[in-house]
């Protein structure tokens, strides 16, 4: 009985369905018609839909998502699309018309419903672009092609884009807008971006415009400004760092609302490693490097020693009295400097000037170092052993290392001679009087040496009148006694011939005073005895 009942129900249900199919008129769809279908299956490359009335539809998966994105579609979803072609009650669908098969009726429908159409840009004139959509010549004003101004409109010729029909005049004059679609897409992306928009959040974006004060970046439909100081470590022109269309990573610094407008400040340098700490780790104090003068201030010159890392060459660190740094260097000059001190907490590097003569002494030539030799990055330690003179310099942090100083060596203002092999340089204390020999003569003084090091005797400390020819007053090879007047932290030694002479005079005076002391207890009686003796004579 159960089987008979089942068969009866089956036959009755089939009969009802057959009768319904007879009563239902077959659905007819035409190319250009906009239809709505229900997804019944998602294939590897296509999506199959039920359009009703015994008509099936299929659409390419690539039509349902932007390039590079995965379509989000599943059985049961509703999809609205245009009919491109019909064969054997199966309709080929597309999301927009403009594939070359749409008729004017489809364009009119798109104008009424706002469905995008696809067109190819064929020409550009003073007012805008000529766009061909489904064989129909349309027009897109210059300002409606993009959300931003296009510098060279001719670069758009030949490209295919989606547009919205904004004006329809019987198919004769069709006005399009691509900007309307872009703004809608931008608004949708911005809504998602704002869900996690807060200081410290990081985004991938694209540079849209570059100005002298910074660069504008679009990240997820939201635009912000990266100030010039936040583009990179160090001071560089924005045009030298980024260009329009470049993809970058940014971090949100702050969000402000002023005069009803939202302003978002971004940073590119905070998402990259600070080169300062790598540099100072590899360039210890005493290292001599090649740097570029970036800017001048009354108190000194800022010198870039590696890209993004600058040090201050104070006006007092030029080795002589200077009123303004411009007396010694100019912006853009390549100069040799020595790393004197590093303040990691304040991110500051103090430098001192290394003259070409001094650099020549460090490199062991005794004369001004040839430019080619300096560019080789030869590292020479002051007071080094002779066999270490040609040791190659480590290129620390990308810096052009020219030499290094040993910890607190005996040194001159502008160079030192190598100590004998195996001899440790001794640092003399202030006030020590040494027998020195003149090695070299400069306009500002003479370089002298003694058994364990070298130093400088300034012209003012030689005890000769101003303007005296030092080549005659202290010729190379002559010897004299000089007192140590100053020992700098980096080991440079200043001496004074006049100070030694004054020290000797004081010593002689002290010795004479010692000889004049009389035994205690006689006092004035001794003077009286002397007077009596004189009178008696």
Protein backbone atom coordinates (compact mmCIF):
# COMPACT_ATOMS: atom_id res chain seq x y z
CA UNK A 1 0.00 0.00 0.00
CA UNK A 2 2.78 2.33 0.85
CA UNK A 3 4.35 1.82 -2.56
CA UNK A 4 1.02 2.37 -4.32
CA UNK A 5 0.39 5.59 -2.35
CA UNK A 6 3.89 6.86 -3.13
CA UNK A 7 3.50 6.13 -6.81
CA UNK A 8 0.15 7.85 -6.84
CA UNK A 9 1.47 10.91 -5.12
CA UNK A 10 4.39 10.97 -7.55
CA UNK A 11 2.15 10.72 -10.55
CA UNK A 12 -0.14 13.41 -9.18
CA UNK A 13 2.79 15.76 -8.49
CA UNK A 14 4.22 15.23 -11.94
CA UNK A 15 0.88 15.95 -13.50
CA UNK A 16 0.59 19.19 -11.60
CA UNK A 17 4.04 20.27 -12.65
CA UNK A 18 3.32 19.40 -16.28
CA UNK A 19 0.10 21.37 -16.20
CA UNK A 20 1.89 24.38 -14.69
CA UNK A 21 4.52 24.22 -17.41
CA UNK A 22 1.81 24.29 -20.07
CA UNK A 23 0.09 27.30 -18.49
CA UNK A 24 3.42 29.18 -18.00
CA UNK A 25 4.54 31.10 -21.04
CA UNK A 26 8.22 30.64 -21.92
CA UNK A 27 10.32 33.63 -20.98
CA UNK A 28 12.03 35.51 -23.77
CA UNK A 29 15.16 37.62 -23.19
CA UNK A 30 16.88 39.88 -25.68
CA UNK A 31 20.48 41.10 -25.93
CA UNK A 32 20.79 44.37 -24.06
CA UNK A 33 18.05 43.48 -21.58
CA UNK A 34 18.78 43.85 -17.87
CA UNK A 35 17.81 40.74 -15.93
CA UNK A 36 18.00 39.39 -12.40
CA UNK A 37 18.94 35.78 -11.75
CA UNK A 38 19.54 33.43 -8.83
CA UNK A 39 22.88 31.69 -8.51
CA UNK A 40 22.48 27.91 -8.71
CA UNK A 41 26.10 26.84 -9.16
CA UNK A 42 29.56 28.39 -8.93
CA UNK A 43 32.06 26.80 -11.28
CA UNK A 44 35.79 27.21 -11.69
CA UNK A 45 35.44 30.01 -14.24
CA UNK A 46 31.71 30.71 -14.53
CA UNK A 47 28.62 31.23 -12.42
CA UNK A 48 25.33 29.65 -13.52
CA UNK A 49 22.01 31.34 -12.78
CA UNK A 50 18.29 30.67 -13.03
CA UNK A 51 16.64 33.59 -14.81
CA UNK A 52 13.18 32.08 -14.54
CA UNK A 53 10.82 31.07 -17.31
CA UNK A 54 13.00 28.16 -18.28
CA UNK A 55 15.93 30.42 -19.16
CA UNK A 56 19.36 29.82 -17.72
CA UNK A 57 22.16 32.34 -17.53
CA UNK A 58 25.92 32.20 -17.16
CA UNK A 59 28.44 34.88 -16.37
CA UNK A 60 32.22 34.87 -16.12
CA UNK A 61 33.63 34.94 -12.57
CA UNK A 62 35.98 37.74 -13.63
CA UNK A 63 32.92 39.96 -14.16
CA UNK A 64 32.00 39.77 -10.47
CA UNK A 65 35.18 41.14 -8.88
CA UNK A 66 37.90 43.69 -9.49
CA UNK A 67 41.19 42.44 -11.02
CA UNK A 68 43.22 40.48 -8.48
CA UNK A 69 40.27 40.01 -6.11
CA UNK A 70 38.31 36.82 -5.42
CA UNK A 71 34.56 36.98 -6.20
CA UNK A 72 32.30 36.67 -3.18
CA UNK A 73 29.35 34.75 -4.62
CA UNK A 74 27.46 31.62 -3.51
CA UNK A 75 24.34 29.67 -4.49
CA UNK A 76 21.18 31.59 -3.68
CA UNK A 77 22.67 35.03 -4.30
CA UNK A 78 20.84 37.43 -6.62
CA UNK A 79 22.82 38.95 -9.48
CA UNK A 80 21.67 41.72 -11.76
CA UNK A 81 23.35 41.78 -15.17
CA UNK A 82 22.90 42.52 -18.84
CA UNK A 83 22.16 39.98 -21.57
CA UNK A 84 24.93 39.88 -24.12
CA UNK A 85 23.75 36.97 -26.26
CA UNK A 86 21.10 34.19 -26.18
CA UNK A 87 21.41 30.69 -27.64
CA UNK A 88 19.23 27.63 -26.92
CA UNK A 89 17.53 29.40 -23.98
CA UNK A 90 20.89 30.04 -22.34
CA UNK A 91 21.77 33.71 -21.90
CA UNK A 92 25.34 34.99 -21.76
CA UNK A 93 25.50 37.79 -19.22
CA UNK A 94 27.80 40.71 -18.40
CA UNK A 95 27.84 43.21 -15.55
CA UNK A 96 28.17 46.20 -17.87
CA UNK A 97 27.37 46.91 -21.44
CA UNK A 98 30.03 48.13 -23.82
CA UNK A 99 31.47 44.83 -24.91
CA UNK A 100 30.59 45.70 -28.47
CA UNK A 101 27.23 43.89 -28.46
CA UNK A 102 25.00 46.34 -26.61
CA UNK A 103 22.38 48.27 -28.54
CA UNK A 104 21.12 51.80 -28.04
CA UNK A 105 18.21 50.38 -26.09
CA UNK A 106 20.64 48.92 -23.56
CA UNK A 107 22.43 52.25 -23.26
CA UNK A 108 19.13 54.03 -22.67
CA UNK A 109 18.28 51.51 -19.98
CA UNK A 110 21.72 52.01 -18.41
CA UNK A 111 21.14 55.77 -18.41
CA UNK A 112 17.84 55.30 -16.56
CA UNK A 113 19.06 52.71 -14.04
CA UNK A 114 22.63 53.92 -13.50
CA UNK A 115 24.21 50.60 -14.44
CA UNK A 116 27.85 51.15 -15.57
CA UNK A 117 28.86 50.78 -19.19
CA UNK A 118 32.28 49.99 -20.54
CA UNK A 119 33.94 52.16 -23.14
CA UNK A 120 37.26 52.72 -24.91
CA UNK A 121 38.85 56.19 -24.96
CA UNK A 122 39.59 57.00 -28.59
CA UNK A 123 40.53 60.69 -28.57
CA UNK A 124 40.90 63.80 -26.41
CA UNK A 125 40.11 67.42 -27.17
CA UNK A 126 40.03 70.73 -25.34
CA UNK A 127 36.84 69.90 -23.46
CA UNK A 128 37.24 66.23 -22.69
CA UNK A 129 37.49 62.68 -24.00
CA UNK A 130 35.80 60.84 -26.84
CA UNK A 131 34.66 57.42 -25.60
CA UNK A 132 33.17 54.65 -27.76
CA UNK A 133 30.54 52.55 -25.99
CA UNK A 134 28.84 49.71 -27.90
CA UNK A 135 29.60 51.42 -31.17
CA UNK A 136 28.14 54.73 -29.93
CA UNK A 137 30.33 57.83 -29.79
CA UNK A 138 30.09 59.36 -26.30
CA UNK A 139 31.74 62.24 -24.44
CA UNK A 140 33.38 62.45 -21.00
CA UNK A 141 34.39 65.93 -19.69
CA UNK A 142 37.99 66.36 -18.48
CA UNK A 143 36.92 66.80 -14.88
CA UNK A 144 34.79 63.64 -14.94
CA UNK A 145 37.54 61.22 -15.95
CA UNK A 146 39.16 60.92 -12.50
CA UNK A 147 38.81 62.16 -8.95
CA UNK A 148 42.08 64.05 -9.43
CA UNK A 149 43.43 66.21 -12.18
CA UNK A 150 45.17 64.29 -14.95
CA UNK A 151 48.33 66.15 -15.93
CA UNK A 152 48.53 64.75 -19.47
CA UNK A 153 45.08 63.74 -20.79
CA UNK A 154 46.63 62.18 -23.90
CA UNK A 155 47.98 59.33 -21.78
CA UNK A 156 44.41 58.01 -21.38
CA UNK A 157 43.91 57.34 -25.09
CA UNK A 158 43.49 53.63 -25.80
CA UNK A 159 42.48 52.71 -22.25
CA UNK A 160 39.21 50.97 -21.38
CA UNK A 161 37.22 52.00 -18.33
CA UNK A 162 33.76 51.76 -16.84
CA UNK A 163 31.53 54.84 -16.96
CA UNK A 164 28.15 55.99 -15.80
CA UNK A 165 25.80 57.69 -18.26
CA UNK A 166 24.89 61.09 -16.82
CA UNK A 167 23.04 62.54 -19.84
CA UNK A 168 21.03 60.76 -22.53
CA UNK A 169 19.61 62.79 -25.39
CA UNK A 170 17.97 60.25 -27.61
CA UNK A 171 21.25 58.47 -28.22
CA UNK A 172 22.75 61.40 -30.13
CA UNK A 173 24.59 63.12 -27.28
CA UNK A 174 25.68 60.74 -24.53
CA UNK A 175 27.66 62.24 -21.63
CA UNK A 176 29.64 59.92 -19.37
CA UNK A 177 31.34 60.15 -16.00
CA UNK A 178 34.02 57.85 -14.68
CA UNK A 179 34.54 60.01 -11.61
CA UNK A 180 31.09 59.15 -10.28
CA UNK A 181 31.97 55.46 -10.17
CA UNK A 182 35.39 56.12 -8.61
CA UNK A 183 33.85 58.24 -5.87
CA UNK A 184 31.35 55.50 -5.05
CA UNK A 185 34.11 52.88 -4.92
CA UNK A 186 36.25 55.24 -2.85
CA UNK A 187 33.40 55.81 -0.40
CA UNK A 188 32.90 52.06 -0.01
CA UNK A 189 36.60 51.50 0.66
CA UNK A 190 36.75 54.50 3.01
CA UNK A 191 33.94 53.03 5.10
CA UNK A 192 35.98 49.89 5.69
CA UNK A 193 39.20 51.86 6.28
CA UNK A 194 37.63 54.13 8.90
CA UNK A 195 36.72 51.12 11.00
CA UNK A 196 40.39 50.83 11.97
CA UNK A 197 41.54 54.42 11.39
CA UNK A 198 43.43 55.58 14.49
CA UNK A 199 46.90 56.96 15.36
CA UNK A 200 49.47 54.19 15.00
CA UNK A 201 47.52 52.18 12.43
CA UNK A 202 49.44 51.22 9.30
CA UNK A 203 48.07 51.03 5.76
CA UNK A 204 49.20 50.36 2.21
CA UNK A 205 48.55 53.37 0.00
CA UNK A 206 49.42 55.07 -3.24
CA UNK A 207 51.04 58.47 -3.72
CA UNK A 208 48.58 60.73 -5.53
CA UNK A 209 50.40 64.07 -5.54
CA UNK A 210 53.83 65.38 -4.56
CA UNK A 211 54.39 68.97 -3.41
CA UNK A 212 57.28 70.87 -1.84
CA UNK A 213 55.76 70.47 1.63
CA UNK A 214 55.07 66.74 1.36
CA UNK A 215 53.16 64.01 -0.47
CA UNK A 216 49.46 63.09 -0.52
CA UNK A 217 48.69 59.39 -0.14
CA UNK A 218 45.40 57.58 -0.77
CA UNK A 219 45.03 54.60 1.54
CA UNK A 220 41.81 52.63 1.24
CA UNK A 221 39.70 55.50 -0.07
CA UNK A 222 40.99 57.97 2.52
CA UNK A 223 43.61 60.60 1.71
CA UNK A 224 46.26 61.94 4.06
CA UNK A 225 49.40 64.07 3.93
CA UNK A 226 52.93 62.84 4.60
CA UNK A 227 54.90 66.01 5.54
CA UNK A 228 58.34 66.37 3.98
CA UNK A 229 59.97 65.70 7.36
CA UNK A 230 58.13 62.35 7.63
CA UNK A 231 58.97 61.00 4.17
CA UNK A 232 62.40 59.63 5.05
CA UNK A 233 65.15 59.78 7.64
CA UNK A 234 67.20 62.87 6.90
CA UNK A 235 66.34 66.00 4.97
CA UNK A 236 65.45 65.40 1.32
CA UNK A 237 63.19 66.99 -1.28
CA UNK A 238 59.87 65.13 -1.52
CA UNK A 239 60.36 64.82 -5.29
CA UNK A 240 63.57 62.89 -4.62
CA UNK A 241 61.82 60.40 -2.34
CA UNK A 242 58.46 59.52 -3.93
CA UNK A 243 56.53 60.00 -7.16
CA UNK A 244 52.82 59.85 -8.08
CA UNK A 245 51.53 56.31 -8.49
CA UNK A 246 54.13 54.82 -6.15
CA UNK A 247 52.81 52.30 -3.62
CA UNK A 248 53.97 53.02 -0.08
CA UNK A 249 53.34 51.96 3.50
CA UNK A 250 52.23 54.69 5.91
CA UNK A 251 51.44 55.06 9.58
CA UNK A 252 48.76 57.39 10.93
CA UNK A 253 50.29 60.08 13.15
CA UNK A 254 47.21 62.14 14.04
CA UNK A 255 43.66 62.93 12.91
CA UNK A 256 42.43 66.51 13.16
CA UNK A 257 39.22 68.29 12.17
CA UNK A 258 39.68 71.97 11.34
CA UNK A 259 37.08 74.26 9.80
CA UNK A 260 34.88 71.25 9.22
CA UNK A 261 37.56 69.45 7.21
CA UNK A 262 39.32 66.29 8.27
CA UNK A 263 43.11 66.30 8.10
CA UNK A 264 45.12 63.12 8.48
CA UNK A 265 48.88 63.33 9.07
CA UNK A 266 50.87 60.29 7.96
CA UNK A 267 54.46 59.10 8.21
CA UNK A 268 56.57 56.90 5.98
CA UNK A 269 59.77 57.00 8.00
CA UNK A 270 58.22 55.48 11.15
CA UNK A 271 57.61 52.23 9.26
CA UNK A 272 61.30 51.95 8.35
CA UNK A 273 64.32 51.32 10.55
CA UNK A 274 66.09 54.36 11.96
CA UNK A 275 69.58 54.38 10.37
CA UNK A 276 71.00 56.43 13.27
CA UNK A 277 71.52 53.53 15.65
CA UNK A 278 73.11 51.24 13.07
CA UNK A 279 75.43 54.08 12.13
CA UNK A 280 76.59 54.97 15.64
CA UNK A 281 77.13 51.29 16.45
CA UNK A 282 79.51 50.95 13.51
CA UNK A 283 81.13 54.39 13.68
CA UNK A 284 82.63 54.72 17.16
CA UNK A 285 84.11 57.95 18.46
CA UNK A 286 87.35 58.79 16.72
CA UNK A 287 86.26 57.53 13.30
CA UNK A 288 87.04 59.86 10.40
CA UNK A 289 84.46 59.79 7.61
CA UNK A 290 83.63 61.61 4.42
CA UNK A 291 80.47 63.73 4.73
CA UNK A 292 78.41 66.25 2.81
CA UNK A 293 77.57 69.69 4.18
CA UNK A 294 73.76 69.91 4.15
CA UNK A 295 73.07 73.32 5.73
CA UNK A 296 74.78 76.11 7.66
CA UNK A 297 73.78 77.87 10.86
CA UNK A 298 75.60 80.61 12.81
CA UNK A 299 76.59 78.01 15.42
CA UNK A 300 77.89 75.38 13.00
CA UNK A 301 77.39 73.18 9.95
CA UNK A 302 75.22 70.06 9.68
CA UNK A 303 77.06 67.29 7.86
CA UNK A 304 75.41 64.13 6.50
CA UNK A 305 77.71 61.16 7.11
CA UNK A 306 75.29 58.50 5.79
CA UNK A 307 71.90 58.99 4.13
CA UNK A 308 69.50 60.10 6.82
CA UNK A 309 72.12 60.62 9.53
CA UNK A 310 73.61 64.05 10.22
CA UNK A 311 76.11 65.36 12.73
CA UNK A 312 76.88 68.87 13.94
CA UNK A 313 80.24 70.42 13.13
CA UNK A 314 80.27 73.20 15.71
CA UNK A 315 81.83 76.53 14.83
CA UNK A 316 84.43 75.91 17.52
CA UNK A 317 85.47 72.54 16.00
CA UNK A 318 87.19 73.85 12.88
CA UNK A 319 90.61 73.90 14.54
CA UNK A 320 90.86 77.69 14.48
CA UNK A 321 88.81 80.73 15.36
CA UNK A 322 85.90 81.01 12.92
CA UNK A 323 83.14 83.63 12.98
CA UNK A 324 80.74 81.67 10.75
CA UNK A 325 80.93 78.18 9.20
CA UNK A 326 80.68 79.73 5.72
CA UNK A 327 84.25 80.94 6.17
CA UNK A 328 85.37 77.31 5.98
CA UNK A 329 82.71 75.28 4.11
CA UNK A 330 79.73 75.67 1.78
CA UNK A 331 76.52 73.68 1.36
CA UNK A 332 77.22 70.65 -0.82
CA UNK A 333 80.92 70.42 0.05
CA UNK A 334 82.40 66.97 0.62
CA UNK A 335 84.60 67.19 3.69
CA UNK A 336 86.38 64.88 6.12
CA UNK A 337 85.12 64.96 9.70
CA UNK A 338 85.91 63.08 12.88
CA UNK A 339 83.21 61.64 15.16
CA UNK A 340 83.90 63.32 18.49
CA UNK A 341 80.86 62.41 20.63
CA UNK A 342 77.58 60.52 20.30
CA UNK A 343 74.42 61.14 22.32
CA UNK A 344 72.14 58.18 21.61
CA UNK A 345 69.22 59.45 23.68
CA UNK A 346 69.14 62.82 21.92
CA UNK A 347 70.17 61.31 18.55
CA UNK A 348 73.05 63.76 18.23
CA UNK A 349 76.51 63.36 16.78
CA UNK A 350 79.25 65.92 17.42
CA UNK A 351 81.89 66.27 14.72
CA UNK A 352 85.21 68.06 14.28
CA UNK A 353 86.78 69.29 11.08
CA UNK A 354 89.66 67.33 9.52
CA UNK A 355 91.67 69.49 7.14
CA UNK A 356 93.17 68.06 3.94
CA UNK A 357 96.63 68.45 5.52
CA UNK A 358 95.56 66.53 8.58
CA UNK A 359 93.96 63.84 6.45
CA UNK A 360 97.21 63.52 4.55
CA UNK A 361 99.06 63.02 7.81
CA UNK A 362 96.57 60.35 8.90
CA UNK A 363 96.92 58.50 5.63
CA UNK A 364 100.67 58.55 6.12
CA UNK A 365 101.64 60.74 3.18
CA UNK A 366 102.58 63.82 5.14
CA UNK A 367 100.92 65.99 2.49
CA UNK A 368 97.38 66.69 1.42
CA UNK A 369 95.65 63.37 0.70
CA UNK A 370 94.91 62.79 -2.98
CA UNK A 371 91.17 62.73 -3.70
CA UNK A 372 91.38 59.30 -5.34
CA UNK A 373 93.08 57.81 -2.30
CA UNK A 374 90.51 59.28 0.05
CA UNK A 375 87.64 57.84 -1.97
CA UNK A 376 89.03 54.35 -1.60
CA UNK A 377 87.92 54.48 2.04
CA UNK A 378 91.35 53.62 3.45
CA UNK A 379 91.23 53.22 7.22
CA UNK A 380 94.31 54.28 9.15
CA UNK A 381 94.50 54.33 12.92
CA UNK A 382 96.30 57.19 14.52
CA UNK A 383 99.41 56.08 16.37
CA UNK A 384 99.08 52.76 14.58
CA UNK A 385 101.76 50.20 13.85
CA UNK A 386 103.25 50.61 10.35
CA UNK A 387 101.95 47.24 9.18
CA UNK A 388 98.39 48.43 9.84
CA UNK A 389 98.72 51.46 7.58
CA UNK A 390 97.10 49.88 4.54
CA UNK A 391 94.32 48.00 6.32
CA UNK A 392 91.02 48.42 4.43
CA UNK A 393 88.37 50.40 6.24
CA UNK A 394 85.09 48.80 7.19
CA UNK A 395 82.30 50.64 5.39
CA UNK A 396 80.18 51.18 8.46
CA UNK A 397 76.53 51.91 7.85
CA UNK A 398 77.28 53.01 4.29
CA UNK A 399 79.64 55.73 5.52
CA UNK A 400 82.84 56.48 3.63
CA UNK A 401 85.39 55.73 6.34
CA UNK A 402 88.73 57.47 5.88
CA UNK A 403 90.44 56.68 9.17
CA UNK A 404 90.09 55.99 12.84
CA UNK A 405 91.75 57.34 15.93
CA UNK A 406 93.03 55.16 18.74
CA UNK A 407 91.65 55.81 22.21
CA UNK A 408 93.28 58.98 23.56
CA UNK A 409 96.51 58.86 21.57
CA UNK A 410 99.18 61.51 21.56
CA UNK A 411 98.05 63.59 18.62
CA UNK A 412 98.47 66.87 16.84
CA UNK A 413 95.85 69.38 15.81
CA UNK A 414 95.99 68.15 12.26
CA UNK A 415 97.77 64.81 12.19
CA UNK A 416 100.19 62.47 13.90
CA UNK A 417 103.11 60.33 12.86
CA UNK A 418 103.11 56.58 13.46
CA UNK A 419 104.61 55.43 16.72
CA UNK A 420 107.43 52.88 16.57
CA UNK A 421 106.22 49.32 16.13
CA UNK A 422 105.32 47.75 19.44
CA UNK A 423 105.50 51.05 21.35
CA UNK A 424 102.38 52.14 23.17
CA UNK A 425 101.79 55.88 22.84
CA UNK A 426 101.97 57.78 26.11
CA UNK A 427 99.68 60.73 26.80
CA UNK A 428 101.58 63.59 28.46
CA UNK A 429 99.84 65.57 31.16
CA UNK A 430 99.26 69.31 31.03
CA UNK A 431 102.33 71.19 32.26
CA UNK A 432 104.84 68.56 31.18
CA UNK A 433 107.90 70.12 29.48
CA UNK A 434 109.23 68.14 26.52
CA UNK A 435 112.15 68.38 24.13
CA UNK A 436 110.49 68.58 20.73
CA UNK A 437 111.66 68.62 17.10
CA UNK A 438 109.95 70.62 14.34
CA UNK A 439 108.51 68.26 11.68
CA UNK A 440 106.34 70.54 9.59
CA UNK A 441 105.49 74.22 9.32
CA UNK A 442 102.07 75.72 8.63
CA UNK A 443 100.78 79.30 8.71
CA UNK A 444 98.98 78.65 12.00
CA UNK A 445 101.88 76.94 13.78
CA UNK A 446 104.42 74.15 13.68
CA UNK A 447 103.97 70.42 14.14
CA UNK A 448 106.49 68.90 16.48
CA UNK A 449 107.37 65.41 17.66
CA UNK A 450 108.95 63.82 20.67
CA UNK A 451 109.74 60.28 21.62
CA UNK A 452 106.16 59.05 21.99
CA UNK A 453 103.97 61.29 19.89
CA UNK A 454 103.31 64.49 18.02
CA UNK A 455 101.56 67.76 18.69
CA UNK A 456 100.99 71.30 17.52
CA UNK A 457 102.63 74.49 18.76
CA UNK A 458 100.41 77.38 17.61
CA UNK A 459 102.19 80.42 16.18
CA UNK A 460 101.02 82.52 19.12
CA UNK A 461 102.77 80.11 21.51
CA UNK A 462 106.16 80.22 19.81
CA UNK A 463 107.09 83.46 21.53
CA UNK A 464 107.82 85.33 18.29
CA UNK A 465 106.29 88.61 17.05
CA UNK A 466 103.14 88.37 14.98
CA UNK A 467 103.85 88.06 11.27
CA UNK A 468 107.24 86.41 11.79
CA UNK A 469 108.28 83.95 9.11
CA UNK A 470 108.02 80.63 10.96
CA UNK A 471 110.30 78.94 8.45
CA UNK A 472 113.14 81.09 9.80
CA UNK A 473 112.05 81.27 13.42
CA UNK A 474 111.54 77.49 13.73
CA UNK A 475 112.93 75.65 10.70
CA UNK A 476 112.19 71.97 10.15
CA UNK A 477 114.61 69.87 12.22
CA UNK A 478 115.23 72.52 14.86
CA UNK A 479 114.62 71.58 18.48
CA UNK A 480 113.38 73.46 21.52
CA UNK A 481 111.57 72.85 24.76
CA UNK A 482 107.77 73.14 24.91
CA UNK A 483 105.20 72.67 27.66
CA UNK A 484 101.95 70.74 27.17
CA UNK A 485 99.16 73.30 27.41
CA UNK A 486 96.13 71.20 26.46
CA UNK A 487 95.18 67.55 25.80
CA UNK A 488 91.79 67.13 24.09
CA UNK A 489 89.44 64.20 24.65
CA UNK A 490 90.32 62.83 21.23
CA UNK A 491 94.02 62.85 22.14
CA UNK A 492 95.14 65.95 20.23
CA UNK A 493 97.95 67.80 22.04
CA UNK A 494 98.76 71.49 22.05
CA UNK A 495 102.12 72.76 23.30
CA UNK A 496 103.67 76.11 24.05
CA UNK A 497 107.29 77.15 23.65
CA UNK A 498 106.57 80.32 25.54
CA UNK A 499 104.99 78.27 28.33
CA UNK A 500 108.15 76.17 28.64
CA UNK A 501 110.30 79.28 28.83
CA UNK A 502 108.02 80.76 31.49
CA UNK A 503 108.11 77.46 33.39
CA UNK A 504 111.91 77.46 33.27
CA UNK A 505 112.01 81.07 34.47
CA UNK A 506 109.73 80.22 37.34
CA UNK A 507 111.88 77.21 38.22
CA UNK A 508 115.05 79.37 38.17
CA UNK A 509 113.40 82.02 40.32
CA UNK A 510 112.25 79.40 42.77
CA UNK A 511 115.73 77.90 42.96
CA UNK A 512 117.28 81.33 43.53
CA UNK A 513 114.79 82.04 46.32
CA UNK A 514 115.76 78.76 47.91
CA UNK A 515 119.43 79.78 47.94
CA UNK A 516 118.54 83.09 49.60
CA UNK A 517 116.90 81.54 52.62
CA UNK A 518 118.90 82.04 55.89
CA UNK A 519 119.03 79.89 59.02
CA UNK A 520 116.16 80.76 61.33
CA UNK A 521 116.93 82.62 64.62
CA UNK A 522 119.19 85.31 63.16
CA UNK A 523 116.52 87.50 61.66
CA UNK A 524 117.39 91.22 61.47
CA UNK A 525 120.54 90.72 63.49
CA UNK A 526 122.21 89.37 60.40
CA UNK A 527 121.40 92.53 58.45
CA UNK A 528 122.74 94.67 61.33
CA UNK A 529 125.98 92.77 61.37
CA UNK A 530 126.37 93.39 57.65
CA UNK A 531 125.83 97.13 58.08
CA UNK A 532 128.37 97.30 60.89
CA UNK A 533 130.84 95.56 58.72
CA UNK A 534 130.34 98.08 55.95
CA UNK A 535 130.66 101.06 58.31
CA UNK A 536 133.76 99.62 59.91
CA UNK A 537 135.39 99.49 56.51
